[in-house]
């Protein structure tokens, strides 16, 4: 995923032209390697700045594929993170209620 100076998508493997550079033509959030993809997925899961990542990929890939991917990622990612948060919260409540029951039995 690369863009020229006019912010138009160009072929990733094309030779460098005068209107592109290897350093500044790629957005920070991309799926070019494992680390960048992991960070990009985390940003989408955290629901922070994900629309810009989606828009960049939609301009390059186009079609419904990128839309379904990002909408599914947001929905499933938010559900997973929300369920983890609820599990941690419910575990904490259970532990506190057990401690209170033990203290009541001692008294």
PDB file of N, CA and C in Angstrom:
ATOM      1  N   UNK A   1       0.841  -1.164   0.000  1.00  0.00           N
ATOM      2  CA  UNK A   1       0.000   0.000   0.000  1.00  0.00           C
ATOM      3  C   UNK A   1       0.890   1.232   0.000  1.00  0.00           C
ATOM      4  N   UNK A   2       0.893   1.934  -1.115  1.00  0.00           N
ATOM      5  CA  UNK A   2       1.687   3.155  -1.243  1.00  0.00           C
ATOM      6  C   UNK A   2       0.864   4.245  -1.915  1.00  0.00           C
ATOM      7  N   UNK A   3       1.219   5.481  -1.634  1.00  0.00           N
ATOM      8  CA  UNK A   3       0.539   6.632  -2.212  1.00  0.00           C
ATOM      9  C   UNK A   3       1.572   7.586  -2.794  1.00  0.00           C
ATOM     10  N   UNK A   4       1.177   8.324  -3.833  1.00  0.00           N
ATOM     11  CA  UNK A   4       2.083   9.320  -4.387  1.00  0.00           C
ATOM     12  C   UNK A   4       1.882  10.652  -3.672  1.00  0.00           C
ATOM     13  N   UNK A   5       2.555  11.679  -4.145  1.00  0.00           N
ATOM     14  CA  UNK A   5       2.474  12.983  -3.471  1.00  0.00           C
ATOM     15  C   UNK A   5       1.088  13.615  -3.584  1.00  0.00           C
ATOM     16  N   UNK A   6       0.302  13.185  -4.548  1.00  0.00           N
ATOM     17  CA  UNK A   6      -1.074  13.670  -4.685  1.00  0.00           C
ATOM     18  C   UNK A   6      -2.039  12.852  -3.846  1.00  0.00           C
ATOM     19  N   UNK A   7      -1.508  11.946  -3.057  1.00  0.00           N
ATOM     20  CA  UNK A   7      -2.275  11.069  -2.174  1.00  0.00           C
ATOM     21  C   UNK A   7      -3.179  10.123  -2.954  1.00  0.00           C
ATOM     22  N   UNK A   8      -2.692   9.660  -4.094  1.00  0.00           N
ATOM     23  CA  UNK A   8      -3.402   8.677  -4.895  1.00  0.00           C
ATOM     24  C   UNK A   8      -2.707   7.334  -4.752  1.00  0.00           C
ATOM     25  N   UNK A   9      -3.458   6.243  -4.687  1.00  0.00           N
ATOM     26  CA  UNK A   9      -2.822   4.927  -4.549  1.00  0.00           C
ATOM     27  C   UNK A   9      -2.016   4.559  -5.793  1.00  0.00           C
ATOM     28  N   UNK A  10      -0.854   3.939  -5.561  1.00  0.00           N
ATOM     29  CA  UNK A  10      -0.021   3.461  -6.663  1.00  0.00           C
ATOM     30  C   UNK A  10       0.330   2.009  -6.408  1.00  0.00           C
ATOM     31  N   UNK A  11       0.849   1.348  -7.425  1.00  0.00           N
ATOM     32  CA  UNK A  11       1.240  -0.051  -7.302  1.00  0.00           C
ATOM     33  C   UNK A  11       2.393  -0.164  -6.306  1.00  0.00           C
ATOM     34  N   UNK A  12       2.281  -1.113  -5.381  1.00  0.00           N
ATOM     35  CA  UNK A  12       3.282  -1.263  -4.320  1.00  0.00           C
ATOM     36  C   UNK A  12       4.655  -1.621  -4.883  1.00  0.00           C
ATOM     37  N   UNK A  13       4.686  -2.448  -5.919  1.00  0.00           N
ATOM     38  CA  UNK A  13       5.944  -2.935  -6.445  1.00  0.00           C
ATOM     39  C   UNK A  13       6.456  -2.118  -7.630  1.00  0.00           C
ATOM     40  N   UNK A  14       5.837  -0.990  -7.904  1.00  0.00           N
ATOM     41  CA  UNK A  14       6.298  -0.183  -9.027  1.00  0.00           C
ATOM     42  C   UNK A  14       7.625   0.473  -8.676  1.00  0.00           C
ATOM     43  N   UNK A  15       8.383   0.781  -9.706  1.00  0.00           N
ATOM     44  CA  UNK A  15       9.656   1.455  -9.480  1.00  0.00           C
ATOM     45  C   UNK A  15       9.375   2.860  -8.975  1.00  0.00           C
ATOM     46  N   UNK A  16      10.319   3.379  -8.212  1.00  0.00           N
ATOM     47  CA  UNK A  16      10.136   4.723  -7.670  1.00  0.00           C
ATOM     48  C   UNK A  16      10.105   5.741  -8.801  1.00  0.00           C
ATOM     49  N   UNK A  17       9.139   6.599  -8.728  1.00  0.00           N
ATOM     50  CA  UNK A  17       9.036   7.682  -9.689  1.00  0.00           C
ATOM     51  C   UNK A  17       9.365   8.968  -8.959  1.00  0.00           C
ATOM     52  N   UNK A  18       9.297  10.077  -9.654  1.00  0.00           N
ATOM     53  CA  UNK A  18       9.626  11.364  -9.039  1.00  0.00           C
ATOM     54  C   UNK A  18       8.591  11.805  -8.014  1.00  0.00           C
ATOM     55  N   UNK A  19       7.392  11.279  -8.102  1.00  0.00           N
ATOM     56  CA  UNK A  19       6.337  11.731  -7.197  1.00  0.00           C
ATOM     57  C   UNK A  19       6.134  10.804  -5.990  1.00  0.00           C
ATOM     58  N   UNK A  20       7.056   9.876  -5.751  1.00  0.00           N
ATOM     59  CA  UNK A  20       6.941   8.987  -4.595  1.00  0.00           C
ATOM     60  C   UNK A  20       8.279   8.872  -3.888  1.00  0.00           C
ATOM     61  N   UNK A  21       8.231   8.387  -2.677  1.00  0.00           N
ATOM     62  CA  UNK A  21       9.443   8.035  -1.938  1.00  0.00           C
ATOM     63  C   UNK A  21       9.127   6.806  -1.108  1.00  0.00           C
ATOM     64  N   UNK A  22      10.094   5.964  -0.870  1.00  0.00           N
ATOM     65  CA  UNK A  22       9.862   4.748  -0.101  1.00  0.00           C
ATOM     66  C   UNK A  22       9.521   5.059   1.346  1.00  0.00           C
ATOM     67  N   UNK A  23      10.095   6.121   1.885  1.00  0.00           N
ATOM     68  CA  UNK A  23       9.901   6.428   3.298  1.00  0.00           C
ATOM     69  C   UNK A  23       8.537   7.056   3.574  1.00  0.00           C
ATOM     70  N   UNK A  24       8.107   7.969   2.734  1.00  0.00           N
ATOM     71  CA  UNK A  24       6.904   8.744   3.035  1.00  0.00           C
ATOM     72  C   UNK A  24       5.677   8.333   2.235  1.00  0.00           C
ATOM     73  N   UNK A  25       5.795   7.348   1.378  1.00  0.00           N
ATOM     74  CA  UNK A  25       4.645   6.987   0.562  1.00  0.00           C
ATOM     75  C   UNK A  25       3.758   5.940   1.222  1.00  0.00           C
ATOM     76  N   UNK A  26       4.244   5.294   2.292  1.00  0.00           N
ATOM     77  CA  UNK A  26       3.444   4.281   2.992  1.00  0.00           C
ATOM     78  C   UNK A  26       2.871   4.873   4.271  1.00  0.00           C
ATOM     79  N   UNK A  27       1.588   4.626   4.553  1.00  0.00           N
ATOM     80  CA  UNK A  27       1.037   5.080   5.837  1.00  0.00           C
ATOM     81  C   UNK A  27       1.622   4.268   6.995  1.00  0.00           C
ATOM     82  N   UNK A  28       1.572   4.836   8.176  1.00  0.00           N
ATOM     83  CA  UNK A  28       2.135   4.154   9.353  1.00  0.00           C
ATOM     84  C   UNK A  28       1.397   2.861   9.665  1.00  0.00           C
ATOM     85  N   UNK A  29       0.089   2.881   9.579  1.00  0.00           N
ATOM     86  CA  UNK A  29      -0.709   1.687   9.864  1.00  0.00           C
ATOM     87  C   UNK A  29      -0.928   0.937   8.558  1.00  0.00           C
ATOM     88  N   UNK A  30      -0.232  -0.186   8.407  1.00  0.00           N
ATOM     89  CA  UNK A  30      -0.363  -0.986   7.191  1.00  0.00           C
ATOM     90  C   UNK A  30      -0.238  -2.453   7.546  1.00  0.00           C
ATOM     91  N   UNK A  31      -0.369  -3.301   6.555  1.00  0.00           N
ATOM     92  CA  UNK A  31      -0.295  -4.747   6.760  1.00  0.00           C
ATOM     93  C   UNK A  31       0.876  -5.345   5.976  1.00  0.00           C
ATOM     94  N   UNK A  32       1.966  -4.588   5.851  1.00  0.00           N
ATOM     95  CA  UNK A  32       3.105  -5.036   5.051  1.00  0.00           C
ATOM     96  C   UNK A  32       3.939  -6.099   5.745  1.00  0.00           C
ATOM     97  N   UNK A  33       4.024  -6.048   7.062  1.00  0.00           N
ATOM     98  CA  UNK A  33       4.758  -7.077   7.801  1.00  0.00           C
ATOM     99  C   UNK A  33       3.980  -7.409   9.077  1.00  0.00           C
ATOM    100  N   UNK A  34       4.460  -8.402   9.788  1.00  0.00           N
ATOM    101  CA  UNK A  34       3.726  -8.905  10.950  1.00  0.00           C
ATOM    102  C   UNK A  34       3.567  -7.836  12.023  1.00  0.00           C
ATOM    103  N   UNK A  35       4.636  -7.101  12.314  1.00  0.00           N
ATOM    104  CA  UNK A  35       4.581  -6.103  13.383  1.00  0.00           C
ATOM    105  C   UNK A  35       3.604  -4.982  13.040  1.00  0.00           C
ATOM    106  N   UNK A  36       3.670  -4.466  11.830  1.00  0.00           N
ATOM    107  CA  UNK A  36       2.756  -3.402  11.419  1.00  0.00           C
ATOM    108  C   UNK A  36       1.307  -3.887  11.413  1.00  0.00           C
ATOM    109  N   UNK A  37       1.098  -5.113  10.982  1.00  0.00           N
ATOM    110  CA  UNK A  37      -0.255  -5.667  10.973  1.00  0.00           C
ATOM    111  C   UNK A  37      -0.788  -5.836  12.391  1.00  0.00           C
ATOM    112  N   UNK A  38       0.069  -6.277  13.315  1.00  0.00           N
ATOM    113  CA  UNK A  38      -0.344  -6.439  14.710  1.00  0.00           C
ATOM    114  C   UNK A  38      -0.738  -5.098  15.319  1.00  0.00           C
ATOM    115  N   UNK A  39       0.061  -4.076  15.077  1.00  0.00           N
ATOM    116  CA  UNK A  39      -0.248  -2.747  15.596  1.00  0.00           C
ATOM    117  C   UNK A  39      -1.527  -2.208  14.960  1.00  0.00           C
ATOM    118  N   UNK A  40      -1.691  -2.424  13.668  1.00  0.00           N
ATOM    119  CA  UNK A  40      -2.903  -1.956  12.981  1.00  0.00           C
ATOM    120  C   UNK A  40      -4.146  -2.637  13.531  1.00  0.00           C
ATOM    121  N   UNK A  41      -4.078  -3.942  13.760  1.00  0.00           N
ATOM    122  CA  UNK A  41      -5.213  -4.677  14.323  1.00  0.00           C
ATOM    123  C   UNK A  41      -5.509  -4.190  15.743  1.00  0.00           C
ATOM    124  N   UNK A  42      -4.474  -3.927  16.529  1.00  0.00           N
ATOM    125  CA  UNK A  42      -4.683  -3.414  17.884  1.00  0.00           C
ATOM    126  C   UNK A  42      -5.366  -2.054  17.849  1.00  0.00           C
ATOM    127  N   UNK A  43      -4.978  -1.201  16.909  1.00  0.00           N
ATOM    128  CA  UNK A  43      -5.613   0.113  16.781  1.00  0.00           C
ATOM    129  C   UNK A  43      -7.094  -0.052  16.437  1.00  0.00           C
ATOM    130  N   UNK A  44      -7.403  -0.974  15.550  1.00  0.00           N
ATOM    131  CA  UNK A  44      -8.804  -1.220  15.186  1.00  0.00           C
ATOM    132  C   UNK A  44      -9.569  -1.773  16.385  1.00  0.00           C
ATOM    133  N   UNK A  45      -8.964  -2.710  17.129  1.00  0.00           N
ATOM    134  CA  UNK A  45      -9.623  -3.265  18.313  1.00  0.00           C
ATOM    135  C   UNK A  45      -9.853  -2.199  19.373  1.00  0.00           C
ATOM    136  N   UNK A  46      -8.910  -1.288  19.522  1.00  0.00           N
ATOM    137  CA  UNK A  46      -9.044  -0.232  20.526  1.00  0.00           C
ATOM    138  C   UNK A  46     -10.013   0.858  20.082  1.00  0.00           C
ATOM    139  N   UNK A  47     -10.470   0.772  18.831  1.00  0.00           N
ATOM    140  CA  UNK A  47     -11.429   1.721  18.269  1.00  0.00           C
ATOM    141  C   UNK A  47     -10.856   3.138  18.261  1.00  0.00           C
ATOM    142  N   UNK A  48      -9.566   3.228  18.013  1.00  0.00           N
ATOM    143  CA  UNK A  48      -8.886   4.508  18.010  1.00  0.00           C
ATOM    144  C   UNK A  48      -8.241   4.724  16.650  1.00  0.00           C
ATOM    145  N   UNK A  49      -8.757   5.667  15.857  1.00  0.00           N
ATOM    146  CA  UNK A  49      -8.139   6.044  14.589  1.00  0.00           C
ATOM    147  C   UNK A  49      -8.303   4.955  13.539  1.00  0.00           C
ATOM    148  N   UNK A  50      -9.252   4.037  13.725  1.00  0.00           N
ATOM    149  CA  UNK A  50      -9.400   2.926  12.790  1.00  0.00           C
ATOM    150  C   UNK A  50     -10.023   3.350  11.480  1.00  0.00           C
ATOM    151  N   UNK A  51     -10.803   4.414  11.472  1.00  0.00           N
ATOM    152  CA  UNK A  51     -11.459   4.825  10.230  1.00  0.00           C
ATOM    153  C   UNK A  51     -10.451   5.302   9.190  1.00  0.00           C
ATOM    154  N   UNK A  52      -9.362   5.897   9.615  1.00  0.00           N
ATOM    155  CA  UNK A  52      -8.321   6.316   8.674  1.00  0.00           C
ATOM    156  C   UNK A  52      -7.624   5.109   8.064  1.00  0.00           C
ATOM    157  N   UNK A  53      -7.368   4.099   8.871  1.00  0.00           N
ATOM    158  CA  UNK A  53      -6.761   2.870   8.362  1.00  0.00           C
ATOM    159  C   UNK A  53      -7.708   2.226   7.356  1.00  0.00           C
ATOM    160  N   UNK A  54      -8.982   2.176   7.695  1.00  0.00           N
ATOM    161  CA  UNK A  54      -9.980   1.614   6.776  1.00  0.00           C
ATOM    162  C   UNK A  54     -10.020   2.400   5.470  1.00  0.00           C
ATOM    163  N   UNK A  55     -10.064   3.714   5.565  1.00  0.00           N
ATOM    164  CA  UNK A  55     -10.181   4.536   4.366  1.00  0.00           C
ATOM    165  C   UNK A  55      -8.973   4.348   3.446  1.00  0.00           C
ATOM    166  N   UNK A  56      -7.754   4.286   4.016  1.00  0.00           N
ATOM    167  CA  UNK A  56      -6.558   4.051   3.203  1.00  0.00           C
ATOM    168  C   UNK A  56      -6.641   2.709   2.480  1.00  0.00           C
ATOM    169  N   UNK A  57      -7.056   1.682   3.192  1.00  0.00           N
ATOM    170  CA  UNK A  57      -7.151   0.358   2.576  1.00  0.00           C
ATOM    171  C   UNK A  57      -8.298   0.272   1.578  1.00  0.00           C
ATOM    172  N   UNK A  58      -9.371   0.979   1.825  1.00  0.00           N
ATOM    173  CA  UNK A  58     -10.469   0.992   0.878  1.00  0.00           C
ATOM    174  C   UNK A  58     -10.044   1.651  -0.427  1.00  0.00           C
ATOM    175  N   UNK A  59      -9.256   2.725  -0.330  1.00  0.00           N
ATOM    176  CA  UNK A  59      -8.792   3.395  -1.546  1.00  0.00           C
ATOM    177  C   UNK A  59      -7.859   2.500  -2.352  1.00  0.00           C
ATOM    178  N   UNK A  60      -7.049   1.689  -1.686  1.00  0.00           N
ATOM    179  CA  UNK A  60      -6.105   0.833  -2.395  1.00  0.00           C
ATOM    180  C   UNK A  60      -6.791  -0.428  -2.908  1.00  0.00           C
ATOM    181  N   UNK A  61      -7.493  -1.144  -2.034  1.00  0.00           N
ATOM    182  CA  UNK A  61      -8.103  -2.417  -2.398  1.00  0.00           C
ATOM    183  C   UNK A  61      -9.443  -2.195  -3.082  1.00  0.00           C
ATOM    184  N   UNK A  62     -10.260  -1.331  -2.509  1.00  0.00           N
ATOM    185  CA  UNK A  62     -11.574  -1.054  -3.058  1.00  0.00           C
ATOM    186  C   UNK A  62     -12.543  -2.201  -2.832  1.00  0.00           C
ATOM    187  N   UNK A  63     -13.759  -2.015  -3.285  1.00  0.00           N
ATOM    188  CA  UNK A  63     -14.749  -3.072  -3.203  1.00  0.00           C
ATOM    189  C   UNK A  63     -15.273  -3.314  -1.812  1.00  0.00           C
ATOM    190  N   UNK A  64     -16.071  -4.359  -1.717  1.00  0.00           N
ATOM    191  CA  UNK A  64     -16.695  -4.704  -0.447  1.00  0.00           C
ATOM    192  C   UNK A  64     -15.789  -5.519   0.453  1.00  0.00           C
ATOM    193  N   UNK A  65     -14.721  -6.083  -0.094  1.00  0.00           N
ATOM    194  CA  UNK A  65     -13.837  -6.921   0.714  1.00  0.00           C
ATOM    195  C   UNK A  65     -13.238  -6.190   1.891  1.00  0.00           C
ATOM    196  N   UNK A  66     -12.704  -5.004   1.645  1.00  0.00           N
ATOM    197  CA  UNK A  66     -12.103  -4.249   2.747  1.00  0.00           C
ATOM    198  C   UNK A  66     -13.177  -3.762   3.720  1.00  0.00           C
ATOM    199  N   UNK A  67     -14.353  -3.429   3.203  1.00  0.00           N
ATOM    200  CA  UNK A  67     -15.439  -2.982   4.100  1.00  0.00           C
ATOM    201  C   UNK A  67     -15.877  -4.103   5.028  1.00  0.00           C
ATOM    202  N   UNK A  68     -16.101  -5.295   4.469  1.00  0.00           N
ATOM    203  CA  UNK A  68     -16.495  -6.424   5.309  1.00  0.00           C
ATOM    204  C   UNK A  68     -15.411  -6.782   6.312  1.00  0.00           C
ATOM    205  N   UNK A  69     -14.152  -6.725   5.872  1.00  0.00           N
ATOM    206  CA  UNK A  69     -13.044  -7.065   6.769  1.00  0.00           C
ATOM    207  C   UNK A  69     -13.001  -6.118   7.967  1.00  0.00           C
ATOM    208  N   UNK A  70     -13.048  -4.819   7.719  1.00  0.00           N
ATOM    209  CA  UNK A  70     -12.917  -3.868   8.826  1.00  0.00           C
ATOM    210  C   UNK A  70     -14.162  -3.811   9.695  1.00  0.00           C
ATOM    211  N   UNK A  71     -15.337  -3.925   9.100  1.00  0.00           N
ATOM    212  CA  UNK A  71     -16.546  -3.935   9.919  1.00  0.00           C
ATOM    213  C   UNK A  71     -16.582  -5.189  10.783  1.00  0.00           C
ATOM    214  N   UNK A  72     -16.226  -6.330  10.191  1.00  0.00           N
ATOM    215  CA  UNK A  72     -16.154  -7.564  10.976  1.00  0.00           C
ATOM    216  C   UNK A  72     -15.107  -7.484  12.064  1.00  0.00           C
ATOM    217  N   UNK A  73     -13.967  -6.877  11.735  1.00  0.00           N
ATOM    218  CA  UNK A  73     -12.900  -6.734  12.722  1.00  0.00           C
ATOM    219  C   UNK A  73     -13.324  -5.845  13.882  1.00  0.00           C
ATOM    220  N   UNK A  74     -14.009  -4.756  13.569  1.00  0.00           N
ATOM    221  CA  UNK A  74     -14.474  -3.855  14.632  1.00  0.00           C
ATOM    222  C   UNK A  74     -15.530  -4.546  15.487  1.00  0.00           C
ATOM    223  N   UNK A  75     -16.495  -5.162  14.856  1.00  0.00           N
ATOM    224  CA  UNK A  75     -17.583  -5.787  15.618  1.00  0.00           C
ATOM    225  C   UNK A  75     -17.056  -6.946  16.466  1.00  0.00           C
ATOM    226  N   UNK A  76     -16.336  -7.860  15.845  1.00  0.00           N
ATOM    227  CA  UNK A  76     -15.824  -9.009  16.599  1.00  0.00           C
ATOM    228  C   UNK A  76     -14.775  -8.593  17.621  1.00  0.00           C
ATOM    229  N   UNK A  77     -13.919  -7.669  17.248  1.00  0.00           N
ATOM    230  CA  UNK A  77     -12.894  -7.196  18.182  1.00  0.00           C
ATOM    231  C   UNK A  77     -13.502  -6.509  19.386  1.00  0.00           C
ATOM    232  N   UNK A  78     -14.502  -5.666  19.151  1.00  0.00           N
ATOM    233  CA  UNK A  78     -15.155  -4.990  20.260  1.00  0.00           C
ATOM    234  C   UNK A  78     -15.894  -5.988  21.145  1.00  0.00           C
ATOM    235  N   UNK A  79     -16.498  -7.004  20.534  1.00  0.00           N
ATOM    236  CA  UNK A  79     -17.190  -8.015  21.332  1.00  0.00           C
ATOM    237  C   UNK A  79     -16.204  -8.796  22.196  1.00  0.00           C
ATOM    238  N   UNK A  80     -15.070  -9.166  21.617  1.00  0.00           N
ATOM    239  CA  UNK A  80     -14.079  -9.925  22.376  1.00  0.00           C
ATOM    240  C   UNK A  80     -13.516  -9.085  23.524  1.00  0.00           C
ATOM    241  N   UNK A  81     -13.144  -7.844  23.245  1.00  0.00           N
ATOM    242  CA  UNK A  81     -12.604  -6.988  24.295  1.00  0.00           C
ATOM    243  C   UNK A  81     -13.658  -6.684  25.359  1.00  0.00           C
ATOM    244  N   UNK A  82     -14.896  -6.483  24.948  1.00  0.00           N
ATOM    245  CA  UNK A  82     -15.962  -6.222  25.907  1.00  0.00           C
ATOM    246  C   UNK A  82     -16.197  -7.437  26.796  1.00  0.00           C
ATOM    247  N   UNK A  83     -16.192  -8.632  26.206  1.00  0.00           N
ATOM    248  CA  UNK A  83     -16.374  -9.850  26.998  1.00  0.00           C
ATOM    249  C   UNK A  83     -15.205 -10.084  27.945  1.00  0.00           C
ATOM    250  N   UNK A  84     -13.993  -9.778  27.524  1.00  0.00           N
ATOM    251  CA  UNK A  84     -12.853  -9.898  28.435  1.00  0.00           C
ATOM    252  C   UNK A  84     -12.988  -8.930  29.603  1.00  0.00           C
ATOM    253  N   UNK A  85     -13.401  -7.708  29.312  1.00  0.00           N
ATOM    254  CA  UNK A  85     -13.606  -6.726  30.371  1.00  0.00           C
ATOM    255  C   UNK A  85     -14.674  -7.205  31.350  1.00  0.00           C
ATOM    256  N   UNK A  86     -15.779  -7.722  30.819  1.00  0.00           N
ATOM    257  CA  UNK A  86     -16.837  -8.232  31.698  1.00  0.00           C
ATOM    258  C   UNK A  86     -16.368  -9.424  32.520  1.00  0.00           C
ATOM    259  N   UNK A  87     -15.585 -10.306  31.934  1.00  0.00           N
ATOM    260  CA  UNK A  87     -15.083 -11.470  32.664  1.00  0.00           C
ATOM    261  C   UNK A  87     -14.194 -11.034  33.818  1.00  0.00           C
ATOM    262  N   UNK A  88     -13.334 -10.071  33.580  1.00  0.00           N
ATOM    263  CA  UNK A  88     -12.454  -9.573  34.648  1.00  0.00           C
ATOM    264  C   UNK A  88     -13.282  -8.901  35.739  1.00  0.00           C
ATOM    265  N   UNK A  89     -14.275  -8.120  35.333  1.00  0.00           N
ATOM    266  CA  UNK A  89     -15.119  -7.423  36.298  1.00  0.00           C
ATOM    267  C   UNK A  89     -15.928  -8.407  37.141  1.00  0.00           C
ATOM    268  N   UNK A  90     -16.518  -9.409  36.511  1.00  0.00           N
ATOM    269  CA  UNK A  90     -17.305 -10.395  37.246  1.00  0.00           C
ATOM    270  C   UNK A  90     -16.422 -11.241  38.169  1.00  0.00           C
ATOM    271  N   UNK A  91     -15.223 -11.548  37.748  1.00  0.00           N
ATOM    272  CA  UNK A  91     -14.296 -12.300  38.605  1.00  0.00           C
ATOM    273  C   UNK A  91     -13.979 -11.501  39.863  1.00  0.00           C
ATOM    274  N   UNK A  92     -13.767 -10.211  39.688  1.00  0.00           N
ATOM    275  CA  UNK A  92     -13.472  -9.355  40.839  1.00  0.00           C
ATOM    276  C   UNK A  92     -14.664  -9.307  41.801  1.00  0.00           C
ATOM    277  N   UNK A  93     -15.873  -9.210  41.283  1.00  0.00           N
ATOM    278  CA  UNK A  93     -17.054  -9.213  42.141  1.00  0.00           C
ATOM    279  C   UNK A  93     -17.199 -10.544  42.879  1.00  0.00           C
ATOM    280  N   UNK A  94     -16.950 -11.653  42.206  1.00  0.00           N
ATOM    281  CA  UNK A  94     -17.041 -12.962  42.847  1.00  0.00           C
ATOM    282  C   UNK A  94     -16.025 -13.101  43.975  1.00  0.00           C
ATOM    283  N   UNK A  95     -14.803 -12.644  43.729  1.00  0.00           N
ATOM    284  CA  UNK A  95     -13.773 -12.727  44.770  1.00  0.00           C
ATOM    285  C   UNK A  95     -14.145 -11.885  45.975  1.00  0.00           C
ATOM    286  N   UNK A  96     -14.678 -10.700  45.739  1.00  0.00           N
ATOM    287  CA  UNK A  96     -15.063  -9.834  46.860  1.00  0.00           C
ATOM    288  C   UNK A  96     -16.227 -10.435  47.642  1.00  0.00           C
ATOM    289  N   UNK A  97     -17.172 -11.034  46.943  1.00  0.00           N
ATOM    290  CA  UNK A  97     -18.309 -11.619  47.662  1.00  0.00           C
ATOM    291  C   UNK A  97     -17.858 -12.830  48.483  1.00  0.00           C
ATOM    292  N   UNK A  98     -16.904 -13.616  47.976  1.00  0.00           N
ATOM    293  CA  UNK A  98     -16.370 -14.742  48.751  1.00  0.00           C
ATOM    294  C   UNK A  98     -15.643 -14.263  49.995  1.00  0.00           C
ATOM    295  N   UNK A  99     -14.885 -13.196  49.866  1.00  0.00           N
ATOM    296  CA  UNK A  99     -14.164 -12.649  51.023  1.00  0.00           C
ATOM    297  C   UNK A  99     -15.155 -12.152  52.064  1.00  0.00           C
ATOM    298  N   UNK A 100     -16.229 -11.483  51.638  1.00  0.00           N
ATOM    299  CA  UNK A 100     -17.239 -10.995  52.578  1.00  0.00           C
ATOM    300  C   UNK A 100     -17.953 -12.153  53.270  1.00  0.00           C
ATOM    301  N   UNK A 101     -18.240 -13.228  52.523  1.00  0.00           N
ATOM    302  CA  UNK A 101     -18.903 -14.387  53.136  1.00  0.00           C
ATOM    303  C   UNK A 101     -17.996 -15.035  54.180  1.00  0.00           C
ATOM    304  N   UNK A 102     -16.707 -15.135  53.901  1.00  0.00           N
ATOM    305  CA  UNK A 102     -15.768 -15.721  54.875  1.00  0.00           C
ATOM    306  C   UNK A 102     -15.666 -14.860  56.124  1.00  0.00           C
ATOM    307  N   UNK A 103     -15.668 -13.551  55.948  1.00  0.00           N
ATOM    308  CA  UNK A 103     -15.600 -12.663  57.104  1.00  0.00           C
ATOM    309  C   UNK A 103     -16.872 -12.748  57.937  1.00  0.00           C
ATOM    310  N   UNK A 104     -18.022 -12.916  57.302  1.00  0.00           N
ATOM    311  CA  UNK A 104     -19.275 -13.037  58.027  1.00  0.00           C
ATOM    312  C   UNK A 104     -19.327 -14.348  58.799  1.00  0.00           C
ATOM    313  N   UNK A 105     -18.761 -15.422  58.247  1.00  0.00           N
ATOM    314  CA  UNK A 105     -18.746 -16.727  58.931  1.00  0.00           C
ATOM    315  C   UNK A 105     -17.852 -16.674  60.165  1.00  0.00           C
ATOM    316  N   UNK A 106     -16.764 -15.915  60.093  1.00  0.00           N
ATOM    317  CA  UNK A 106     -15.843 -15.804  61.222  1.00  0.00           C
ATOM    318  C   UNK A 106     -16.486 -15.015  62.372  1.00  0.00           C
ATOM    319  N   UNK A 107     -17.326 -14.068  62.035  1.00  0.00           N
ATOM    320  CA  UNK A 107     -17.952 -13.232  63.064  1.00  0.00           C
ATOM    321  C   UNK A 107     -19.136 -13.907  63.594  1.00  0.00           C
TER     322      UNK A 107
END
